[in-house]
Amino acid sequence: MPTTPETPPDPATLSYEQAIEELEHIVEQIESGEASLEESMKLYERGSRLLQRCRTVLDQAEQKLSEIDAASLSQDAE
């Protein structure tokens, strides 16, 4: 029975740290020059999706911090 490569998890399910770790690994693979052009294109596409996930998580964190700051300021004003 032939083995099939494991499908990587959907980036939307990864934590920020997991996405960054995989993204760093992808960059290393591409920079090594050992991947074929086709494989490099697939890696680039995956990396792009991981980068978008990281940006989303950071945007959510920034929003949460803004909400905390706003709540803190309104409590101080009372």
PDB file of N, CA and C in Angstrom:
ATOM      1  N   MET A   1       0.841  -1.170   0.000  1.00  0.00           N
ATOM      2  CA  MET A   1       0.000   0.000   0.000  1.00  0.00           C
ATOM      3  C   MET A   1       0.892   1.241   0.000  1.00  0.00           C
ATOM      4  N   PRO A   2       0.724   2.141  -0.979  1.00  0.00           N
ATOM      5  CA  PRO A   2       1.567   3.340  -1.023  1.00  0.00           C
ATOM      6  C   PRO A   2       1.200   4.291   0.109  1.00  0.00           C
ATOM      7  N   THR A   3       2.226   4.957   0.607  1.00  0.00           N
ATOM      8  CA  THR A   3       1.976   5.933   1.660  1.00  0.00           C
ATOM      9  C   THR A   3       1.687   7.278   1.027  1.00  0.00           C
ATOM     10  N   THR A   4       0.803   8.018   1.636  1.00  0.00           N
ATOM     11  CA  THR A   4       0.502   9.360   1.150  1.00  0.00           C
ATOM     12  C   THR A   4       1.004  10.350   2.177  1.00  0.00           C
ATOM     13  N   PRO A   5       1.507  11.479   1.700  1.00  0.00           N
ATOM     14  CA  PRO A   5       1.988  12.473   2.652  1.00  0.00           C
ATOM     15  C   PRO A   5       0.827  12.970   3.516  1.00  0.00           C
ATOM     16  N   GLU A   6       1.124  13.191   4.764  1.00  0.00           N
ATOM     17  CA  GLU A   6       0.100  13.673   5.689  1.00  0.00           C
ATOM     18  C   GLU A   6      -0.315  15.081   5.292  1.00  0.00           C
ATOM     19  N   THR A   7      -1.610  15.309   5.272  1.00  0.00           N
ATOM     20  CA  THR A   7      -2.122  16.633   4.957  1.00  0.00           C
ATOM     21  C   THR A   7      -1.870  17.548   6.148  1.00  0.00           C
ATOM     22  N   PRO A   8      -1.230  18.690   5.911  1.00  0.00           N
ATOM     23  CA  PRO A   8      -0.968  19.595   7.031  1.00  0.00           C
ATOM     24  C   PRO A   8      -2.276  20.174   7.563  1.00  0.00           C
ATOM     25  N   PRO A   9      -2.300  20.537   8.830  1.00  0.00           N
ATOM     26  CA  PRO A   9      -3.529  21.087   9.401  1.00  0.00           C
ATOM     27  C   PRO A   9      -3.885  22.437   8.784  1.00  0.00           C
ATOM     28  N   ASP A  10      -5.158  22.731   8.806  1.00  0.00           N
ATOM     29  CA  ASP A  10      -5.649  24.017   8.327  1.00  0.00           C
ATOM     30  C   ASP A  10      -5.009  25.117   9.178  1.00  0.00           C
ATOM     31  N   PRO A  11      -4.404  26.132   8.550  1.00  0.00           N
ATOM     32  CA  PRO A  11      -3.769  27.196   9.329  1.00  0.00           C
ATOM     33  C   PRO A  11      -4.708  27.854  10.340  1.00  0.00           C
ATOM     34  N   ALA A  12      -5.992  27.898  10.038  1.00  0.00           N
ATOM     35  CA  ALA A  12      -6.948  28.534  10.949  1.00  0.00           C
ATOM     36  C   ALA A  12      -7.049  27.807  12.284  1.00  0.00           C
ATOM     37  N   THR A  13      -6.589  26.564  12.338  1.00  0.00           N
ATOM     38  CA  THR A  13      -6.658  25.789  13.579  1.00  0.00           C
ATOM     39  C   THR A  13      -5.376  25.885  14.398  1.00  0.00           C
ATOM     40  N   LEU A  14      -4.363  26.538  13.848  1.00  0.00           N
ATOM     41  CA  LEU A  14      -3.064  26.608  14.520  1.00  0.00           C
ATOM     42  C   LEU A  14      -2.968  27.815  15.443  1.00  0.00           C
ATOM     43  N   SER A  15      -2.207  27.648  16.505  1.00  0.00           N
ATOM     44  CA  SER A  15      -1.889  28.791  17.359  1.00  0.00           C
ATOM     45  C   SER A  15      -0.871  29.656  16.617  1.00  0.00           C
ATOM     46  N   TYR A  16      -0.679  30.854  17.126  1.00  0.00           N
ATOM     47  CA  TYR A  16       0.318  31.751  16.536  1.00  0.00           C
ATOM     48  C   TYR A  16       1.693  31.089  16.529  1.00  0.00           C
ATOM     49  N   GLU A  17       2.045  30.485  17.653  1.00  0.00           N
ATOM     50  CA  GLU A  17       3.363  29.863  17.789  1.00  0.00           C
ATOM     51  C   GLU A  17       3.541  28.695  16.822  1.00  0.00           C
ATOM     52  N   GLN A  18       2.496  27.892  16.661  1.00  0.00           N
ATOM     53  CA  GLN A  18       2.566  26.766  15.727  1.00  0.00           C
ATOM     54  C   GLN A  18       2.726  27.261  14.292  1.00  0.00           C
ATOM     55  N   ALA A  19       1.975  28.296  13.939  1.00  0.00           N
ATOM     56  CA  ALA A  19       2.047  28.842  12.584  1.00  0.00           C
ATOM     57  C   ALA A  19       3.429  29.428  12.303  1.00  0.00           C
ATOM     58  N   ILE A  20       3.982  30.155  13.263  1.00  0.00           N
ATOM     59  CA  ILE A  20       5.323  30.736  13.091  1.00  0.00           C
ATOM     60  C   ILE A  20       6.364  29.640  12.935  1.00  0.00           C
ATOM     61  N   GLU A  21       6.260  28.602  13.754  1.00  0.00           N
ATOM     62  CA  GLU A  21       7.224  27.503  13.685  1.00  0.00           C
ATOM     63  C   GLU A  21       7.187  26.833  12.308  1.00  0.00           C
ATOM     64  N   GLU A  22       5.996  26.572  11.814  1.00  0.00           N
ATOM     65  CA  GLU A  22       5.890  25.950  10.495  1.00  0.00           C
ATOM     66  C   GLU A  22       6.375  26.902   9.407  1.00  0.00           C
ATOM     67  N   LEU A  23       6.061  28.176   9.542  1.00  0.00           N
ATOM     68  CA  LEU A  23       6.506  29.171   8.567  1.00  0.00           C
ATOM     69  C   LEU A  23       8.029  29.247   8.524  1.00  0.00           C
ATOM     70  N   GLU A  24       8.675  29.213   9.672  1.00  0.00           N
ATOM     71  CA  GLU A  24      10.140  29.226   9.715  1.00  0.00           C
ATOM     72  C   GLU A  24      10.716  27.993   9.025  1.00  0.00           C
ATOM     73  N   HIS A  25      10.079  26.851   9.231  1.00  0.00           N
ATOM     74  CA  HIS A  25      10.527  25.612   8.587  1.00  0.00           C
ATOM     75  C   HIS A  25      10.382  25.713   7.066  1.00  0.00           C
ATOM     76  N   ILE A  26       9.299  26.291   6.609  1.00  0.00           N
ATOM     77  CA  ILE A  26       9.075  26.459   5.173  1.00  0.00           C
ATOM     78  C   ILE A  26      10.141  27.372   4.576  1.00  0.00           C
ATOM     79  N   VAL A  27      10.442  28.461   5.256  1.00  0.00           N
ATOM     80  CA  VAL A  27      11.472  29.386   4.764  1.00  0.00           C
ATOM     81  C   VAL A  27      12.812  28.665   4.638  1.00  0.00           C
ATOM     82  N   GLU A  28      13.149  27.858   5.638  1.00  0.00           N
ATOM     83  CA  GLU A  28      14.401  27.091   5.581  1.00  0.00           C
ATOM     84  C   GLU A  28      14.413  26.152   4.380  1.00  0.00           C
ATOM     85  N   GLN A  29      13.292  25.476   4.128  1.00  0.00           N
ATOM     86  CA  GLN A  29      13.217  24.548   3.002  1.00  0.00           C
ATOM     87  C   GLN A  29      13.410  25.279   1.674  1.00  0.00           C
ATOM     88  N   ILE A  30      12.745  26.407   1.519  1.00  0.00           N
ATOM     89  CA  ILE A  30      12.848  27.158   0.267  1.00  0.00           C
ATOM     90  C   ILE A  30      14.258  27.713   0.098  1.00  0.00           C
ATOM     91  N   GLU A  31      14.815  28.280   1.172  1.00  0.00           N
ATOM     92  CA  GLU A  31      16.149  28.872   1.090  1.00  0.00           C
ATOM     93  C   GLU A  31      17.241  27.842   0.849  1.00  0.00           C
ATOM     94  N   SER A  32      17.007  26.598   1.237  1.00  0.00           N
ATOM     95  CA  SER A  32      18.024  25.562   1.044  1.00  0.00           C
ATOM     96  C   SER A  32      18.249  25.270  -0.434  1.00  0.00           C
ATOM     97  N   GLY A  33      17.255  25.559  -1.259  1.00  0.00           N
ATOM     98  CA  GLY A  33      17.386  25.314  -2.691  1.00  0.00           C
ATOM     99  C   GLY A  33      17.217  23.862  -3.085  1.00  0.00           C
ATOM    100  N   GLU A  34      16.887  23.005  -2.139  1.00  0.00           N
ATOM    101  CA  GLU A  34      16.754  21.581  -2.431  1.00  0.00           C
ATOM    102  C   GLU A  34      15.374  21.210  -2.956  1.00  0.00           C
ATOM    103  N   ALA A  35      14.384  22.057  -2.742  1.00  0.00           N
ATOM    104  CA  ALA A  35      13.026  21.767  -3.205  1.00  0.00           C
ATOM    105  C   ALA A  35      12.920  22.064  -4.698  1.00  0.00           C
ATOM    106  N   SER A  36      12.135  21.258  -5.384  1.00  0.00           N
ATOM    107  CA  SER A  36      11.885  21.509  -6.804  1.00  0.00           C
ATOM    108  C   SER A  36      11.065  22.789  -6.933  1.00  0.00           C
ATOM    109  N   LEU A  37      10.961  23.290  -8.148  1.00  0.00           N
ATOM    110  CA  LEU A  37      10.176  24.496  -8.380  1.00  0.00           C
ATOM    111  C   LEU A  37       8.724  24.271  -7.964  1.00  0.00           C
ATOM    112  N   GLU A  38       8.169  23.128  -8.351  1.00  0.00           N
ATOM    113  CA  GLU A  38       6.778  22.828  -8.005  1.00  0.00           C
ATOM    114  C   GLU A  38       6.593  22.753  -6.488  1.00  0.00           C
ATOM    115  N   GLU A  39       7.508  22.079  -5.818  1.00  0.00           N
ATOM    116  CA  GLU A  39       7.428  21.975  -4.362  1.00  0.00           C
ATOM    117  C   GLU A  39       7.600  23.345  -3.710  1.00  0.00           C
ATOM    118  N   SER A  40       8.507  24.147  -4.246  1.00  0.00           N
ATOM    119  CA  SER A  40       8.716  25.496  -3.713  1.00  0.00           C
ATOM    120  C   SER A  40       7.452  26.338  -3.843  1.00  0.00           C
ATOM    121  N   MET A  41       6.747  26.182  -4.956  1.00  0.00           N
ATOM    122  CA  MET A  41       5.502  26.922  -5.155  1.00  0.00           C
ATOM    123  C   MET A  41       4.450  26.496  -4.125  1.00  0.00           C
ATOM    124  N   LYS A  42       4.361  25.199  -3.858  1.00  0.00           N
ATOM    125  CA  LYS A  42       3.411  24.703  -2.858  1.00  0.00           C
ATOM    126  C   LYS A  42       3.794  25.202  -1.469  1.00  0.00           C
ATOM    127  N   LEU A  43       5.082  25.191  -1.177  1.00  0.00           N
ATOM    128  CA  LEU A  43       5.554  25.689   0.111  1.00  0.00           C
ATOM    129  C   LEU A  43       5.254  27.180   0.260  1.00  0.00           C
ATOM    130  N   TYR A  44       5.465  27.924  -0.817  1.00  0.00           N
ATOM    131  CA  TYR A  44       5.193  29.361  -0.795  1.00  0.00           C
ATOM    132  C   TYR A  44       3.711  29.615  -0.523  1.00  0.00           C
ATOM    133  N   GLU A  45       2.859  28.847  -1.186  1.00  0.00           N
ATOM    134  CA  GLU A  45       1.417  28.999  -0.986  1.00  0.00           C
ATOM    135  C   GLU A  45       1.039  28.701   0.470  1.00  0.00           C
ATOM    136  N   ARG A  46       1.574  27.623   1.006  1.00  0.00           N
ATOM    137  CA  ARG A  46       1.310  27.261   2.403  1.00  0.00           C
ATOM    138  C   ARG A  46       1.828  28.360   3.333  1.00  0.00           C
ATOM    139  N   GLY A  47       3.026  28.849   3.045  1.00  0.00           N
ATOM    140  CA  GLY A  47       3.600  29.916   3.856  1.00  0.00           C
ATOM    141  C   GLY A  47       2.750  31.171   3.841  1.00  0.00           C
ATOM    142  N   SER A  48       2.182  31.474   2.700  1.00  0.00           N
ATOM    143  CA  SER A  48       1.312  32.642   2.579  1.00  0.00           C
ATOM    144  C   SER A  48       0.073  32.494   3.461  1.00  0.00           C
ATOM    145  N   ARG A  49      -0.490  31.299   3.482  1.00  0.00           N
ATOM    146  CA  ARG A  49      -1.665  31.038   4.321  1.00  0.00           C
ATOM    147  C   ARG A  49      -1.296  31.106   5.808  1.00  0.00           C
ATOM    148  N   LEU A  50      -0.118  30.613   6.144  1.00  0.00           N
ATOM    149  CA  LEU A  50       0.341  30.676   7.533  1.00  0.00           C
ATOM    150  C   LEU A  50       0.580  32.120   7.964  1.00  0.00           C
ATOM    151  N   LEU A  51       1.157  32.911   7.070  1.00  0.00           N
ATOM    152  CA  LEU A  51       1.400  34.319   7.367  1.00  0.00           C
ATOM    153  C   LEU A  51       0.085  35.048   7.609  1.00  0.00           C
ATOM    154  N   GLN A  52      -0.917  34.746   6.791  1.00  0.00           N
ATOM    155  CA  GLN A  52      -2.228  35.361   6.991  1.00  0.00           C
ATOM    156  C   GLN A  52      -2.796  34.983   8.354  1.00  0.00           C
ATOM    157  N   ARG A  53      -2.617  33.734   8.753  1.00  0.00           N
ATOM    158  CA  ARG A  53      -3.080  33.286  10.075  1.00  0.00           C
ATOM    159  C   ARG A  53      -2.389  34.080  11.181  1.00  0.00           C
ATOM    160  N   CYS A  54      -1.080  34.254  11.056  1.00  0.00           N
ATOM    161  CA  CYS A  54      -0.332  35.011  12.066  1.00  0.00           C
ATOM    162  C   CYS A  54      -0.839  36.446  12.155  1.00  0.00           C
ATOM    163  N   ARG A  55      -1.080  37.061  11.008  1.00  0.00           N
ATOM    164  CA  ARG A  55      -1.592  38.437  11.002  1.00  0.00           C
ATOM    165  C   ARG A  55      -2.965  38.513  11.665  1.00  0.00           C
ATOM    166  N   THR A  56      -3.808  37.535  11.392  1.00  0.00           N
ATOM    167  CA  THR A  56      -5.142  37.502  11.993  1.00  0.00           C
ATOM    168  C   THR A  56      -5.051  37.399  13.509  1.00  0.00           C
ATOM    169  N   VAL A  57      -4.202  36.501  13.993  1.00  0.00           N
ATOM    170  CA  VAL A  57      -4.047  36.323  15.443  1.00  0.00           C
ATOM    171  C   VAL A  57      -3.510  37.603  16.081  1.00  0.00           C
ATOM    172  N   LEU A  58      -2.533  38.232  15.442  1.00  0.00           N
ATOM    173  CA  LEU A  58      -1.979  39.475  15.984  1.00  0.00           C
ATOM    174  C   LEU A  58      -3.014  40.594  15.982  1.00  0.00           C
ATOM    175  N   ASP A  59      -3.808  40.687  14.919  1.00  0.00           N
ATOM    176  CA  ASP A  59      -4.870  41.697  14.863  1.00  0.00           C
ATOM    177  C   ASP A  59      -5.887  41.484  15.986  1.00  0.00           C
ATOM    178  N   GLN A  60      -6.238  40.221  16.234  1.00  0.00           N
ATOM    179  CA  GLN A  60      -7.181  39.912  17.311  1.00  0.00           C
ATOM    180  C   GLN A  60      -6.591  40.279  18.672  1.00  0.00           C
ATOM    181  N   ALA A  61      -5.327  40.000  18.857  1.00  0.00           N
ATOM    182  CA  ALA A  61      -4.669  40.341  20.122  1.00  0.00           C
ATOM    183  C   ALA A  61      -4.630  41.857  20.309  1.00  0.00           C
ATOM    184  N   GLU A  62      -4.316  42.578  19.243  1.00  0.00           N
ATOM    185  CA  GLU A  62      -4.277  44.038  19.311  1.00  0.00           C
ATOM    186  C   GLU A  62      -5.658  44.596  19.655  1.00  0.00           C
ATOM    187  N   GLN A  63      -6.696  44.037  19.044  1.00  0.00           N
ATOM    188  CA  GLN A  63      -8.059  44.473  19.329  1.00  0.00           C
ATOM    189  C   GLN A  63      -8.408  44.228  20.796  1.00  0.00           C
ATOM    190  N   LYS A  64      -8.059  43.061  21.296  1.00  0.00           N
ATOM    191  CA  LYS A  64      -8.341  42.719  22.692  1.00  0.00           C
ATOM    192  C   LYS A  64      -7.622  43.679  23.639  1.00  0.00           C
ATOM    193  N   LEU A  65      -6.365  43.992  23.339  1.00  0.00           N
ATOM    194  CA  LEU A  65      -5.616  44.931  24.180  1.00  0.00           C
ATOM    195  C   LEU A  65      -6.241  46.319  24.150  1.00  0.00           C
ATOM    196  N   SER A  66      -6.726  46.738  22.990  1.00  0.00           N
ATOM    197  CA  SER A  66      -7.401  48.034  22.883  1.00  0.00           C
ATOM    198  C   SER A  66      -8.660  48.059  23.738  1.00  0.00           C
ATOM    199  N   GLU A  67      -9.401  46.941  23.732  1.00  0.00           N
ATOM    200  CA  GLU A  67     -10.610  46.853  24.553  1.00  0.00           C
ATOM    201  C   GLU A  67     -10.266  46.916  26.038  1.00  0.00           C
ATOM    202  N   ILE A  68      -9.198  46.243  26.423  1.00  0.00           N
ATOM    203  CA  ILE A  68      -8.770  46.267  27.826  1.00  0.00           C
ATOM    204  C   ILE A  68      -8.362  47.678  28.228  1.00  0.00           C
ATOM    205  N   ASP A  69      -7.595  48.356  27.359  1.00  0.00           N
ATOM    206  CA  ASP A  69      -7.179  49.729  27.646  1.00  0.00           C
ATOM    207  C   ASP A  69      -8.386  50.653  27.766  1.00  0.00           C
ATOM    208  N   ALA A  70      -9.350  50.503  26.870  1.00  0.00           N
ATOM    209  CA  ALA A  70     -10.543  51.349  26.898  1.00  0.00           C
ATOM    210  C   ALA A  70     -11.338  51.113  28.176  1.00  0.00           C
ATOM    211  N   ALA A  71     -11.460  49.865  28.582  1.00  0.00           N
ATOM    212  CA  ALA A  71     -12.180  49.549  29.816  1.00  0.00           C
ATOM    213  C   ALA A  71     -11.450  50.119  31.024  1.00  0.00           C
ATOM    214  N   SER A  72     -10.138  50.037  31.000  1.00  0.00           N
ATOM    215  CA  SER A  72      -9.333  50.559  32.103  1.00  0.00           C
ATOM    216  C   SER A  72      -9.468  52.076  32.198  1.00  0.00           C
ATOM    217  N   LEU A  73      -9.447  52.746  31.056  1.00  0.00           N
ATOM    218  CA  LEU A  73      -9.576  54.207  31.040  1.00  0.00           C
ATOM    219  C   LEU A  73     -10.951  54.643  31.525  1.00  0.00           C
ATOM    220  N   SER A  74     -11.986  53.906  31.140  1.00  0.00           N
ATOM    221  CA  SER A  74     -13.334  54.288  31.572  1.00  0.00           C
ATOM    222  C   SER A  74     -13.503  54.067  33.076  1.00  0.00           C
ATOM    223  N   GLN A  75     -12.847  53.060  33.631  1.00  0.00           N
ATOM    224  CA  GLN A  75     -12.907  52.837  35.078  1.00  0.00           C
ATOM    225  C   GLN A  75     -12.157  53.939  35.826  1.00  0.00           C
ATOM    226  N   ASP A  76     -11.041  54.380  35.250  1.00  0.00           N
ATOM    227  CA  ASP A  76     -10.263  55.451  35.876  1.00  0.00           C
ATOM    228  C   ASP A  76     -11.037  56.764  35.872  1.00  0.00           C
ATOM    229  N   ALA A  77     -11.875  56.979  34.863  1.00  0.00           N
ATOM    230  CA  ALA A  77     -12.628  58.221  34.736  1.00  0.00           C
ATOM    231  C   ALA A  77     -13.794  58.280  35.718  1.00  0.00           C
ATOM    232  N   GLU A  78     -14.193  57.147  36.248  1.00  0.00           N
ATOM    233  CA  GLU A  78     -15.342  57.123  37.172  1.00  0.00           C
ATOM    234  C   GLU A  78     -14.991  57.579  38.540  1.00  0.00           C
TER     235      GLU A  78
END
